[in-house]
Structures are given as C-alpha cells and as structure tokens.
Amino acid sequence: ATVNLGALTSWVGIARLFAVVLSCLTFSLVASTGHFEGPYGTWCMFTWCFCFTVTLLVLLLELLELYPLLPLSWDDFTSAFSMLAALMVFTSSVVFPATFISSPCSSSQCARQAVATTTSCLCFLAYAIEVSLTRAKPGDISSFLSTVPGLLKVFEAYVACLIFSLLDEYNREPGLMWCVAVYSICFIFTLLIIIFTIGRCLTYIPCPLEKVLVGYNFLALLMYFTATILWPLYSFRGRSRPDPCGTNCWWNKHLGVTFLTIFNLIAYLVDLVYSTRMVF
C-alpha cells in the first residue's frame, strides 16, 4: 500500500475529515447524557456511529490507495454514501432535538444535547459539501450515482424507508394497500439500480439501459401520482384528528406519509426530466 496524502488535503478529503470529527463529537455528547432511549434515540445514535465508521473507512482506503482492490465502482459508492449520510444526519438533526430537548433548557444535560444538535447540523453541512464537490459536471456520466438522477435515486430510496417506518393501520382499505405496494415496488427497483450500479452489473443487462431507466421513472411517477391521491383520501376519510394526538398517534404518522409521498413524487418527476435530457 502507498500513502496518498491528497486524500486528506483535497477539498473532498477535508469535508470528510470534518464529517468524521463532527459525527464523533455528536454521538459522544449524546452518549455522555445517557438519554437516547427509544426508537428515535436509537436511530439517531446509529446514524452518527454508522456515518463516522464508514467515512473513516473511506478515508483510510483512499489514504492507503486500497480502494481499487474492491470489486465495486468506488466513485459510485462514495457518491451514494455521501448522499445517504447527508439525508440520515439531516433527519437525525431534526428528530433528536424535537424528541429529547425540552423547554426551558437549563440543565447541563440539556446543554450537551443542544451542542450535539449543533454539531449534527454542521456534520450535515460537511456531507452536503461533499455531495456538491463530487457531483458530476454536466455531460459527465462516468459515475452515474454522482449525477443528478443518481443522487435522486438515493433520495427516493431513503424517503421510501422513512415511509415504511411510519406505516400503520393500512390493512383496512384496498386503496391503502395499493399505496403500500407502490412504495414497496418502487423502493425495490430503485435499490436494485443503486446496488447494480455500485457492483458494476448494469453493463450485463441486454437492453438500452438509459431508455429503460427513463421508462421506469415514468412508471414510478404514475404510480406515486396515484398514491399521492389515494393515501390521504383513504387515510383521513371520515376520521378526524384524535385529541390528544401524541408522538405515536396514527394521524400524525399518516400525515407524515402523505408529505413524504409528495416529496418522492416530486423527486421522480425531476428524475424523469433529468434522465430524459441525458438520454435524448
């Protein structure tokens, strides 16, 4: 192995170093409070530890120039991971203070939680900068997941995961079951595209791949359009918001799924526009 100091001194390397330090500070501060119980706290801690570990591994592999030995597309992997890490840290930066920081904030525990929230937001900025630095320039499609459609694929898969985490009470209505089928089918195909791209397997598909992706984006857009209409229609028809409605209230969860469905509908629309421009 040879040492490549450019992996640490380049702008991308500096952004990754900041991400490593900030994610380490964040989970250390939260761990020192001992107050991160429950599914939301566990998710936030997993996010910071996962991003810290993988980013440190990426830095080491690039520093020692060992990544060419891996049987994957390194540029696609790092682009997909930086986008995923930015989304995960952003979600944790919103969920953690909303769940664990109470007002007024006067104790030392609350102060550490507030500092952890700040470092988590700065960590998100570091990953966002890395995404912007590694994004492919117009006309450059050597690394698909670094292009706008590729980054949108990661966004679409992540939003689908958030939708799955909020699904509740959907077995009563056929319309809701169709929406769940839409979320599942689009998630599976999008995830397969990401995995096959990183694993360099798309070249083995015996058909014009770019046009297939355009067709898939069009079908996914139509399916999400139906889900955008059917989910709120069947979720809230004849049902008012309970009072009180806490964190695990079904109404809040269904409202969250509604907004996330709209987000993914917009993402697939933008994905279709960019993919069509790239192909035609």
C-alpha atoms as a PDB file:
ATOM      1  CA  ALA A   1       0.000   0.000   0.000  1.00  0.00           C
ATOM      2  CA  THR A   2       1.122   3.527  -0.796  1.00  0.00           C
ATOM      3  CA  VAL A   3       0.209   6.652   1.117  1.00  0.00           C
ATOM      4  CA  ASN A   4      -1.764   9.294  -0.782  1.00  0.00           C
ATOM      5  CA  LEU A   5      -1.856  12.450   1.344  1.00  0.00           C
ATOM      6  CA  GLY A   6      -4.004  14.097  -1.298  1.00  0.00           C
ATOM      7  CA  ALA A   7      -6.922  12.072   0.027  1.00  0.00           C
ATOM      8  CA  LEU A   8      -6.768  14.206   3.185  1.00  0.00           C
ATOM      9  CA  THR A   9      -5.656  17.566   1.799  1.00  0.00           C
ATOM     10  CA  SER A  10      -8.138  17.847  -1.081  1.00  0.00           C
ATOM     11  CA  TRP A  11     -11.398  19.705  -0.561  1.00  0.00           C
ATOM     12  CA  VAL A  12     -13.331  16.421  -0.538  1.00  0.00           C
ATOM     13  CA  GLY A  13     -10.898  14.946   1.973  1.00  0.00           C
ATOM     14  CA  ILE A  14     -11.217  17.992   4.235  1.00  0.00           C
ATOM     15  CA  ALA A  15     -15.007  17.731   4.114  1.00  0.00           C
ATOM     16  CA  ARG A  16     -14.765  14.055   5.081  1.00  0.00           C
ATOM     17  CA  LEU A  17     -12.394  14.869   7.947  1.00  0.00           C
ATOM     18  CA  PHE A  18     -14.866  17.420   9.275  1.00  0.00           C
ATOM     19  CA  ALA A  19     -17.661  14.846   8.949  1.00  0.00           C
ATOM     20  CA  VAL A  20     -15.652  12.282  10.933  1.00  0.00           C
ATOM     21  CA  VAL A  21     -14.806  14.723  13.732  1.00  0.00           C
ATOM     22  CA  LEU A  22     -18.310  16.190  13.968  1.00  0.00           C
ATOM     23  CA  SER A  23     -20.111  12.841  13.922  1.00  0.00           C
ATOM     24  CA  CYS A  24     -17.739  11.559  16.625  1.00  0.00           C
ATOM     25  CA  LEU A  25     -18.406  14.640  18.757  1.00  0.00           C
ATOM     26  CA  THR A  26     -22.145  14.269  18.278  1.00  0.00           C
ATOM     27  CA  PHE A  27     -22.542  10.670  19.364  1.00  0.00           C
ATOM     28  CA  SER A  28     -20.029  11.179  22.195  1.00  0.00           C
ATOM     29  CA  LEU A  29     -22.022  14.103  23.594  1.00  0.00           C
ATOM     30  CA  VAL A  30     -25.296  12.232  23.322  1.00  0.00           C
ATOM     31  CA  ALA A  31     -23.786   9.115  24.883  1.00  0.00           C
ATOM     32  CA  SER A  32     -22.498  11.205  27.808  1.00  0.00           C
ATOM     33  CA  THR A  33     -26.053  12.276  28.618  1.00  0.00           C
ATOM     34  CA  GLY A  34     -27.274   8.666  28.766  1.00  0.00           C
ATOM     35  CA  HIS A  35     -30.602   9.898  27.430  1.00  0.00           C
ATOM     36  CA  PHE A  36     -31.210   8.440  23.973  1.00  0.00           C
ATOM     37  CA  GLU A  37     -33.648   5.641  24.696  1.00  0.00           C
ATOM     38  CA  GLY A  38     -36.494   4.601  22.436  1.00  0.00           C
ATOM     39  CA  PRO A  39     -36.587   4.015  18.685  1.00  0.00           C
ATOM     40  CA  TYR A  40     -35.853   7.653  17.781  1.00  0.00           C
ATOM     41  CA  GLY A  41     -32.819   7.897  20.059  1.00  0.00           C
ATOM     42  CA  THR A  42     -31.511   4.555  18.832  1.00  0.00           C
ATOM     43  CA  TRP A  43     -31.908   5.666  15.219  1.00  0.00           C
ATOM     44  CA  CYS A  44     -30.013   8.915  15.826  1.00  0.00           C
ATOM     45  CA  MET A  45     -27.142   7.149  17.588  1.00  0.00           C
ATOM     46  CA  PHE A  46     -26.971   4.533  14.832  1.00  0.00           C
ATOM     47  CA  THR A  47     -26.857   7.292  12.208  1.00  0.00           C
ATOM     48  CA  TRP A  48     -23.938   9.144  13.778  1.00  0.00           C
ATOM     49  CA  CYS A  49     -21.957   5.970  14.531  1.00  0.00           C
ATOM     50  CA  PHE A  50     -22.617   4.490  11.087  1.00  0.00           C
ATOM     51  CA  CYS A  51     -21.601   7.668   9.250  1.00  0.00           C
ATOM     52  CA  PHE A  52     -18.487   8.044  11.410  1.00  0.00           C
ATOM     53  CA  THR A  53     -17.387   4.450  10.792  1.00  0.00           C
ATOM     54  CA  VAL A  54     -17.953   4.364   7.035  1.00  0.00           C
ATOM     55  CA  THR A  55     -16.454   7.819   6.413  1.00  0.00           C
ATOM     56  CA  LEU A  56     -13.352   6.883   8.425  1.00  0.00           C
ATOM     57  CA  LEU A  57     -13.080   3.670   6.408  1.00  0.00           C
ATOM     58  CA  VAL A  58     -13.377   5.628   3.147  1.00  0.00           C
ATOM     59  CA  LEU A  59     -10.611   7.993   4.253  1.00  0.00           C
ATOM     60  CA  LEU A  60      -8.312   5.111   5.195  1.00  0.00           C
ATOM     61  CA  LEU A  61      -8.909   3.253   1.928  1.00  0.00           C
ATOM     62  CA  GLU A  62      -8.189   6.375  -0.117  1.00  0.00           C
ATOM     63  CA  LEU A  63      -5.189   7.334   2.041  1.00  0.00           C
ATOM     64  CA  LEU A  64      -3.620   3.896   1.530  1.00  0.00           C
ATOM     65  CA  GLU A  65      -4.951   3.626  -2.046  1.00  0.00           C
ATOM     66  CA  LEU A  66      -6.537   0.245  -1.379  1.00  0.00           C
ATOM     67  CA  TYR A  67      -9.947   1.003  -2.875  1.00  0.00           C
ATOM     68  CA  PRO A  68      -9.008  -0.207  -6.420  1.00  0.00           C
ATOM     69  CA  LEU A  69      -8.814  -3.723  -4.946  1.00  0.00           C
ATOM     70  CA  LEU A  70     -12.523  -3.673  -4.087  1.00  0.00           C
ATOM     71  CA  PRO A  71     -14.921  -5.253  -6.636  1.00  0.00           C
ATOM     72  CA  LEU A  72     -17.117  -2.167  -6.926  1.00  0.00           C
ATOM     73  CA  SER A  73     -17.365   1.228  -8.543  1.00  0.00           C
ATOM     74  CA  TRP A  74     -15.639   3.405  -5.949  1.00  0.00           C
ATOM     75  CA  ASP A  75     -16.904   6.744  -7.278  1.00  0.00           C
ATOM     76  CA  ASP A  76     -20.486   5.475  -7.340  1.00  0.00           C
ATOM     77  CA  PHE A  77     -20.149   4.065  -3.829  1.00  0.00           C
ATOM     78  CA  THR A  78     -18.719   7.227  -2.298  1.00  0.00           C
ATOM     79  CA  SER A  79     -21.276   9.431  -4.083  1.00  0.00           C
ATOM     80  CA  ALA A  80     -24.169   7.265  -2.915  1.00  0.00           C
ATOM     81  CA  PHE A  81     -22.856   7.084   0.633  1.00  0.00           C
ATOM     82  CA  SER A  82     -22.271  10.826   0.970  1.00  0.00           C
ATOM     83  CA  MET A  83     -25.823  11.488  -0.239  1.00  0.00           C
ATOM     84  CA  LEU A  84     -27.227   8.862   2.119  1.00  0.00           C
ATOM     85  CA  ALA A  85     -25.183  10.186   5.038  1.00  0.00           C
ATOM     86  CA  ALA A  86     -26.371  13.741   4.375  1.00  0.00           C
ATOM     87  CA  LEU A  87     -30.007  12.576   4.415  1.00  0.00           C
ATOM     88  CA  MET A  88     -29.566  10.444   7.534  1.00  0.00           C
ATOM     89  CA  VAL A  89     -27.734  13.135   9.514  1.00  0.00           C
ATOM     90  CA  PHE A  90     -30.271  15.763   8.443  1.00  0.00           C
ATOM     91  CA  THR A  91     -33.109  13.559   9.690  1.00  0.00           C
ATOM     92  CA  SER A  92     -31.326  12.944  12.998  1.00  0.00           C
ATOM     93  CA  SER A  93     -30.608  16.672  13.378  1.00  0.00           C
ATOM     94  CA  VAL A  94     -34.364  17.285  13.237  1.00  0.00           C
ATOM     95  CA  VAL A  95     -35.630  14.244  15.140  1.00  0.00           C
ATOM     96  CA  PHE A  96     -33.212  14.368  18.087  1.00  0.00           C
ATOM     97  CA  PRO A  97     -33.940  17.900  19.368  1.00  0.00           C
ATOM     98  CA  ALA A  98     -37.661  17.515  18.683  1.00  0.00           C
ATOM     99  CA  THR A  99     -37.744  14.325  20.763  1.00  0.00           C
ATOM    100  CA  PHE A 100     -35.260  14.886  23.584  1.00  0.00           C
ATOM    101  CA  ILE A 101     -34.762  18.622  24.138  1.00  0.00           C
ATOM    102  CA  SER A 102     -37.431  20.185  26.319  1.00  0.00           C
ATOM    103  CA  SER A 103     -38.066  23.834  27.160  1.00  0.00           C
ATOM    104  CA  PRO A 104     -36.766  25.534  29.232  1.00  0.00           C
ATOM    105  CA  CYS A 105     -33.254  24.213  28.601  1.00  0.00           C
ATOM    106  CA  SER A 106     -31.278  24.964  31.765  1.00  0.00           C
ATOM    107  CA  SER A 107     -29.584  21.736  32.883  1.00  0.00           C
ATOM    108  CA  SER A 108     -26.117  20.577  31.862  1.00  0.00           C
ATOM    109  CA  GLN A 109     -27.684  17.551  30.165  1.00  0.00           C
ATOM    110  CA  CYS A 110     -29.839  19.810  28.014  1.00  0.00           C
ATOM    111  CA  ALA A 111     -26.819  21.963  27.167  1.00  0.00           C
ATOM    112  CA  ARG A 112     -24.915  18.921  25.915  1.00  0.00           C
ATOM    113  CA  GLN A 113     -27.937  17.879  23.860  1.00  0.00           C
ATOM    114  CA  ALA A 114     -28.088  21.351  22.316  1.00  0.00           C
ATOM    115  CA  VAL A 115     -24.376  21.248  21.453  1.00  0.00           C
ATOM    116  CA  ALA A 116     -24.842  17.757  19.987  1.00  0.00           C
ATOM    117  CA  THR A 117     -27.660  19.101  17.809  1.00  0.00           C
ATOM    118  CA  THR A 118     -25.374  21.900  16.602  1.00  0.00           C
ATOM    119  CA  THR A 119     -22.526  19.533  15.736  1.00  0.00           C
ATOM    120  CA  SER A 120     -25.008  17.242  13.974  1.00  0.00           C
ATOM    121  CA  CYS A 121     -26.201  20.158  11.814  1.00  0.00           C
ATOM    122  CA  LEU A 122     -22.566  21.036  10.998  1.00  0.00           C
ATOM    123  CA  CYS A 123     -21.949  17.371  10.134  1.00  0.00           C
ATOM    124  CA  PHE A 124     -24.868  17.520   7.697  1.00  0.00           C
ATOM    125  CA  LEU A 125     -23.278  20.588   6.092  1.00  0.00           C
ATOM    126  CA  ALA A 126     -19.989  18.700   5.722  1.00  0.00           C
ATOM    127  CA  TYR A 127     -21.717  15.828   3.900  1.00  0.00           C
ATOM    128  CA  ALA A 128     -23.727  18.273   1.777  1.00  0.00           C
ATOM    129  CA  ILE A 129     -20.487  19.983   0.735  1.00  0.00           C
ATOM    130  CA  GLU A 130     -19.001  16.607  -0.161  1.00  0.00           C
ATOM    131  CA  VAL A 131     -22.047  15.833  -2.314  1.00  0.00           C
ATOM    132  CA  SER A 132     -21.691  19.147  -4.132  1.00  0.00           C
ATOM    133  CA  LEU A 133     -17.932  18.649  -4.642  1.00  0.00           C
ATOM    134  CA  THR A 134     -18.274  15.109  -6.030  1.00  0.00           C
ATOM    135  CA  ARG A 135     -21.381  15.743  -8.149  1.00  0.00           C
ATOM    136  CA  ALA A 136     -20.748  15.046 -11.810  1.00  0.00           C
ATOM    137  CA  LYS A 137     -20.410  18.019 -14.109  1.00  0.00           C
ATOM    138  CA  PRO A 138     -22.945  18.438 -16.960  1.00  0.00           C
ATOM    139  CA  GLY A 139     -22.185  15.904 -19.674  1.00  0.00           C
ATOM    140  CA  ASP A 140     -20.075  13.669 -17.403  1.00  0.00           C
ATOM    141  CA  ILE A 141     -21.800  10.307 -16.852  1.00  0.00           C
ATOM    142  CA  SER A 142     -18.752   8.212 -15.964  1.00  0.00           C
ATOM    143  CA  SER A 143     -20.157   7.836 -12.441  1.00  0.00           C
ATOM    144  CA  PHE A 144     -23.948   7.508 -12.625  1.00  0.00           C
ATOM    145  CA  LEU A 145     -24.665   7.905  -8.903  1.00  0.00           C
ATOM    146  CA  SER A 146     -22.819  11.229  -8.854  1.00  0.00           C
ATOM    147  CA  THR A 147     -25.193  12.676 -11.458  1.00  0.00           C
ATOM    148  CA  VAL A 148     -28.473  14.334 -10.501  1.00  0.00           C
ATOM    149  CA  PRO A 149     -30.567  11.247 -11.447  1.00  0.00           C
ATOM    150  CA  GLY A 150     -28.179   9.031  -9.474  1.00  0.00           C
ATOM    151  CA  LEU A 151     -28.362  11.220  -6.362  1.00  0.00           C
ATOM    152  CA  LEU A 152     -32.137  11.320  -6.732  1.00  0.00           C
ATOM    153  CA  LYS A 153     -32.188   7.508  -6.717  1.00  0.00           C
ATOM    154  CA  VAL A 154     -30.586   7.556  -3.260  1.00  0.00           C
ATOM    155  CA  PHE A 155     -33.066  10.218  -2.119  1.00  0.00           C
ATOM    156  CA  GLU A 156     -36.039   8.216  -3.412  1.00  0.00           C
ATOM    157  CA  ALA A 157     -34.905   5.025  -1.673  1.00  0.00           C
ATOM    158  CA  TYR A 158     -34.302   6.865   1.605  1.00  0.00           C
ATOM    159  CA  VAL A 159     -37.686   8.596   1.562  1.00  0.00           C
ATOM    160  CA  ALA A 160     -39.311   5.216   0.919  1.00  0.00           C
ATOM    161  CA  CYS A 161     -37.553   3.868   4.031  1.00  0.00           C
ATOM    162  CA  LEU A 162     -38.969   6.776   6.046  1.00  0.00           C
ATOM    163  CA  ILE A 163     -42.418   5.965   4.689  1.00  0.00           C
ATOM    164  CA  PHE A 164     -42.061   2.335   5.771  1.00  0.00           C
ATOM    165  CA  SER A 165     -41.140   3.455   9.291  1.00  0.00           C
ATOM    166  CA  LEU A 166     -44.405   5.412   9.538  1.00  0.00           C
ATOM    167  CA  LEU A 167     -46.799   2.869   8.017  1.00  0.00           C
ATOM    168  CA  ASP A 168     -49.586   1.976  10.413  1.00  0.00           C
ATOM    169  CA  GLU A 169     -53.149   0.692  10.060  1.00  0.00           C
ATOM    170  CA  TYR A 170     -53.257   0.190   6.300  1.00  0.00           C
ATOM    171  CA  ASN A 171     -54.885  -3.266   6.122  1.00  0.00           C
ATOM    172  CA  ARG A 172     -58.437  -1.932   6.315  1.00  0.00           C
ATOM    173  CA  GLU A 173     -58.641  -0.304   2.881  1.00  0.00           C
ATOM    174  CA  PRO A 174     -57.667  -1.678  -0.559  1.00  0.00           C
ATOM    175  CA  GLY A 175     -56.587   1.843  -1.578  1.00  0.00           C
ATOM    176  CA  LEU A 176     -54.040   1.986   1.253  1.00  0.00           C
ATOM    177  CA  MET A 177     -52.757  -1.474   0.387  1.00  0.00           C
ATOM    178  CA  TRP A 178     -52.210  -0.307  -3.193  1.00  0.00           C
ATOM    179  CA  CYS A 179     -50.190   2.652  -1.881  1.00  0.00           C
ATOM    180  CA  VAL A 180     -48.017   0.315   0.206  1.00  0.00           C
ATOM    181  CA  ALA A 181     -47.499  -1.820  -2.902  1.00  0.00           C
ATOM    182  CA  VAL A 182     -46.403   1.319  -4.808  1.00  0.00           C
ATOM    183  CA  TYR A 183     -43.903   2.248  -2.091  1.00  0.00           C
ATOM    184  CA  SER A 184     -42.520  -1.306  -1.961  1.00  0.00           C
ATOM    185  CA  ILE A 185     -42.228  -1.893  -5.720  1.00  0.00           C
ATOM    186  CA  CYS A 186     -40.548   1.460  -6.409  1.00  0.00           C
ATOM    187  CA  PHE A 187     -38.209   1.018  -3.447  1.00  0.00           C
ATOM    188  CA  ILE A 188     -37.095  -2.452  -4.557  1.00  0.00           C
ATOM    189  CA  PHE A 189     -36.384  -1.400  -8.140  1.00  0.00           C
ATOM    190  CA  THR A 190     -34.616   1.804  -7.075  1.00  0.00           C
ATOM    191  CA  LEU A 191     -32.486  -0.102  -4.577  1.00  0.00           C
ATOM    192  CA  LEU A 192     -31.578  -2.678  -7.237  1.00  0.00           C
ATOM    193  CA  ILE A 193     -30.468   0.106  -9.583  1.00  0.00           C
ATOM    194  CA  ILE A 194     -28.213   1.520  -6.853  1.00  0.00           C
ATOM    195  CA  ILE A 195     -26.750  -1.884  -5.958  1.00  0.00           C
ATOM    196  CA  PHE A 196     -26.191  -2.914  -9.581  1.00  0.00           C
ATOM    197  CA  THR A 197     -24.529   0.428 -10.332  1.00  0.00           C
ATOM    198  CA  ILE A 198     -22.127   0.143  -7.397  1.00  0.00           C
ATOM    199  CA  GLY A 199     -21.441  -3.506  -8.244  1.00  0.00           C
ATOM    200  CA  ARG A 200     -20.796  -2.708 -11.926  1.00  0.00           C
ATOM    201  CA  CYS A 201     -23.528  -5.090 -13.028  1.00  0.00           C
ATOM    202  CA  LEU A 202     -25.630  -2.778 -15.195  1.00  0.00           C
ATOM    203  CA  THR A 203     -23.433  -3.410 -18.232  1.00  0.00           C
ATOM    204  CA  TYR A 204     -24.642  -7.020 -18.313  1.00  0.00           C
ATOM    205  CA  ILE A 205     -28.267  -6.024 -18.908  1.00  0.00           C
ATOM    206  CA  PRO A 206     -29.049  -6.905 -22.579  1.00  0.00           C
ATOM    207  CA  CYS A 207     -31.061  -3.752 -23.386  1.00  0.00           C
ATOM    208  CA  PRO A 208     -30.517   0.007 -23.734  1.00  0.00           C
ATOM    209  CA  LEU A 209     -30.137   0.856 -20.059  1.00  0.00           C
ATOM    210  CA  GLU A 210     -30.685   4.611 -20.321  1.00  0.00           C
ATOM    211  CA  LYS A 211     -34.047   4.210 -22.022  1.00  0.00           C
ATOM    212  CA  VAL A 212     -35.061   1.537 -19.515  1.00  0.00           C
ATOM    213  CA  LEU A 213     -34.368   3.974 -16.684  1.00  0.00           C
ATOM    214  CA  VAL A 214     -36.489   6.622 -18.393  1.00  0.00           C
ATOM    215  CA  GLY A 215     -39.352   4.150 -18.744  1.00  0.00           C
ATOM    216  CA  TYR A 216     -39.029   3.081 -15.116  1.00  0.00           C
ATOM    217  CA  ASN A 217     -39.031   6.683 -13.897  1.00  0.00           C
ATOM    218  CA  PHE A 218     -42.184   7.359 -15.926  1.00  0.00           C
ATOM    219  CA  LEU A 219     -43.980   4.316 -14.458  1.00  0.00           C
ATOM    220  CA  ALA A 220     -42.816   5.167 -10.932  1.00  0.00           C
ATOM    221  CA  LEU A 221     -44.068   8.728 -11.402  1.00  0.00           C
ATOM    222  CA  LEU A 222     -47.507   7.467 -12.433  1.00  0.00           C
ATOM    223  CA  MET A 223     -47.653   5.031  -9.504  1.00  0.00           C
ATOM    224  CA  TYR A 224     -46.640   7.698  -6.985  1.00  0.00           C
ATOM    225  CA  PHE A 225     -49.211  10.060  -8.503  1.00  0.00           C
ATOM    226  CA  THR A 226     -51.956   7.548  -7.700  1.00  0.00           C
ATOM    227  CA  ALA A 227     -50.539   7.064  -4.183  1.00  0.00           C
ATOM    228  CA  THR A 228     -50.481  10.836  -3.637  1.00  0.00           C
ATOM    229  CA  ILE A 229     -54.223  10.908  -4.272  1.00  0.00           C
ATOM    230  CA  LEU A 230     -55.291   7.628  -2.666  1.00  0.00           C
ATOM    231  CA  TRP A 231     -53.269   7.729   0.563  1.00  0.00           C
ATOM    232  CA  PRO A 232     -54.807  10.908   2.075  1.00  0.00           C
ATOM    233  CA  LEU A 233     -58.215  10.048   0.600  1.00  0.00           C
ATOM    234  CA  TYR A 234     -58.446   6.664   2.353  1.00  0.00           C
ATOM    235  CA  SER A 235     -56.420   7.653   5.430  1.00  0.00           C
ATOM    236  CA  PHE A 236     -58.452  10.661   6.564  1.00  0.00           C
ATOM    237  CA  ARG A 237     -61.871   9.995   5.023  1.00  0.00           C
ATOM    238  CA  GLY A 238     -64.430  10.194   7.816  1.00  0.00           C
ATOM    239  CA  ARG A 239     -61.725  10.265  10.502  1.00  0.00           C
ATOM    240  CA  SER A 240     -60.849  13.383  12.463  1.00  0.00           C
ATOM    241  CA  ARG A 241     -57.616  14.072  14.324  1.00  0.00           C
ATOM    242  CA  PRO A 242     -57.657  12.462  17.811  1.00  0.00           C
ATOM    243  CA  ASP A 243     -57.293  14.696  20.835  1.00  0.00           C
ATOM    244  CA  PRO A 244     -54.749  14.245  22.317  1.00  0.00           C
ATOM    245  CA  CYS A 245     -52.509  13.115  19.459  1.00  0.00           C
ATOM    246  CA  GLY A 246     -49.031  12.194  20.725  1.00  0.00           C
ATOM    247  CA  THR A 247     -45.823  11.101  19.017  1.00  0.00           C
ATOM    248  CA  ASN A 248     -47.157   7.653  18.060  1.00  0.00           C
ATOM    249  CA  CYS A 249     -50.574   8.917  17.002  1.00  0.00           C
ATOM    250  CA  TRP A 250     -51.798   7.283  13.784  1.00  0.00           C
ATOM    251  CA  TRP A 251     -52.988  10.648  12.415  1.00  0.00           C
ATOM    252  CA  ASN A 252     -49.516  12.189  12.635  1.00  0.00           C
ATOM    253  CA  LYS A 253     -47.956   9.128  11.022  1.00  0.00           C
ATOM    254  CA  HIS A 254     -50.421   9.154   8.118  1.00  0.00           C
ATOM    255  CA  LEU A 255     -49.863  12.886   7.640  1.00  0.00           C
ATOM    256  CA  GLY A 256     -46.110  12.244   7.533  1.00  0.00           C
ATOM    257  CA  VAL A 257     -46.592   9.535   4.900  1.00  0.00           C
ATOM    258  CA  THR A 258     -48.688  11.978   2.868  1.00  0.00           C
ATOM    259  CA  PHE A 259     -45.942  14.606   2.776  1.00  0.00           C
ATOM    260  CA  LEU A 260     -43.207  12.035   2.119  1.00  0.00           C
ATOM    261  CA  THR A 261     -45.244  10.646  -0.783  1.00  0.00           C
ATOM    262  CA  ILE A 262     -45.428  14.144  -2.269  1.00  0.00           C
ATOM    263  CA  PHE A 263     -41.656  14.543  -1.806  1.00  0.00           C
ATOM    264  CA  ASN A 264     -40.983  11.317  -3.683  1.00  0.00           C
ATOM    265  CA  LEU A 265     -43.480  12.265  -6.406  1.00  0.00           C
ATOM    266  CA  ILE A 266     -41.520  15.479  -6.989  1.00  0.00           C
ATOM    267  CA  ALA A 267     -38.225  13.545  -6.873  1.00  0.00           C
ATOM    268  CA  TYR A 268     -39.390  11.064  -9.534  1.00  0.00           C
ATOM    269  CA  LEU A 269     -40.633  13.962 -11.679  1.00  0.00           C
ATOM    270  CA  VAL A 270     -37.254  15.720 -11.521  1.00  0.00           C
ATOM    271  CA  ASP A 271     -35.533  12.365 -12.061  1.00  0.00           C
ATOM    272  CA  LEU A 272     -37.600  11.768 -15.199  1.00  0.00           C
ATOM    273  CA  VAL A 273     -36.790  15.225 -16.574  1.00  0.00           C
ATOM    274  CA  TYR A 274     -33.029  14.872 -16.000  1.00  0.00           C
ATOM    275  CA  SER A 275     -32.918  11.266 -17.245  1.00  0.00           C
ATOM    276  CA  THR A 276     -34.787  12.242 -20.414  1.00  0.00           C
ATOM    277  CA  ARG A 277     -32.350  15.094 -21.027  1.00  0.00           C
ATOM    278  CA  MET A 278     -29.378  12.759 -20.514  1.00  0.00           C
ATOM    279  CA  VAL A 279     -30.733  10.199 -22.985  1.00  0.00           C
ATOM    280  CA  PHE A 280     -32.281  12.368 -25.697  1.00  0.00           C
END
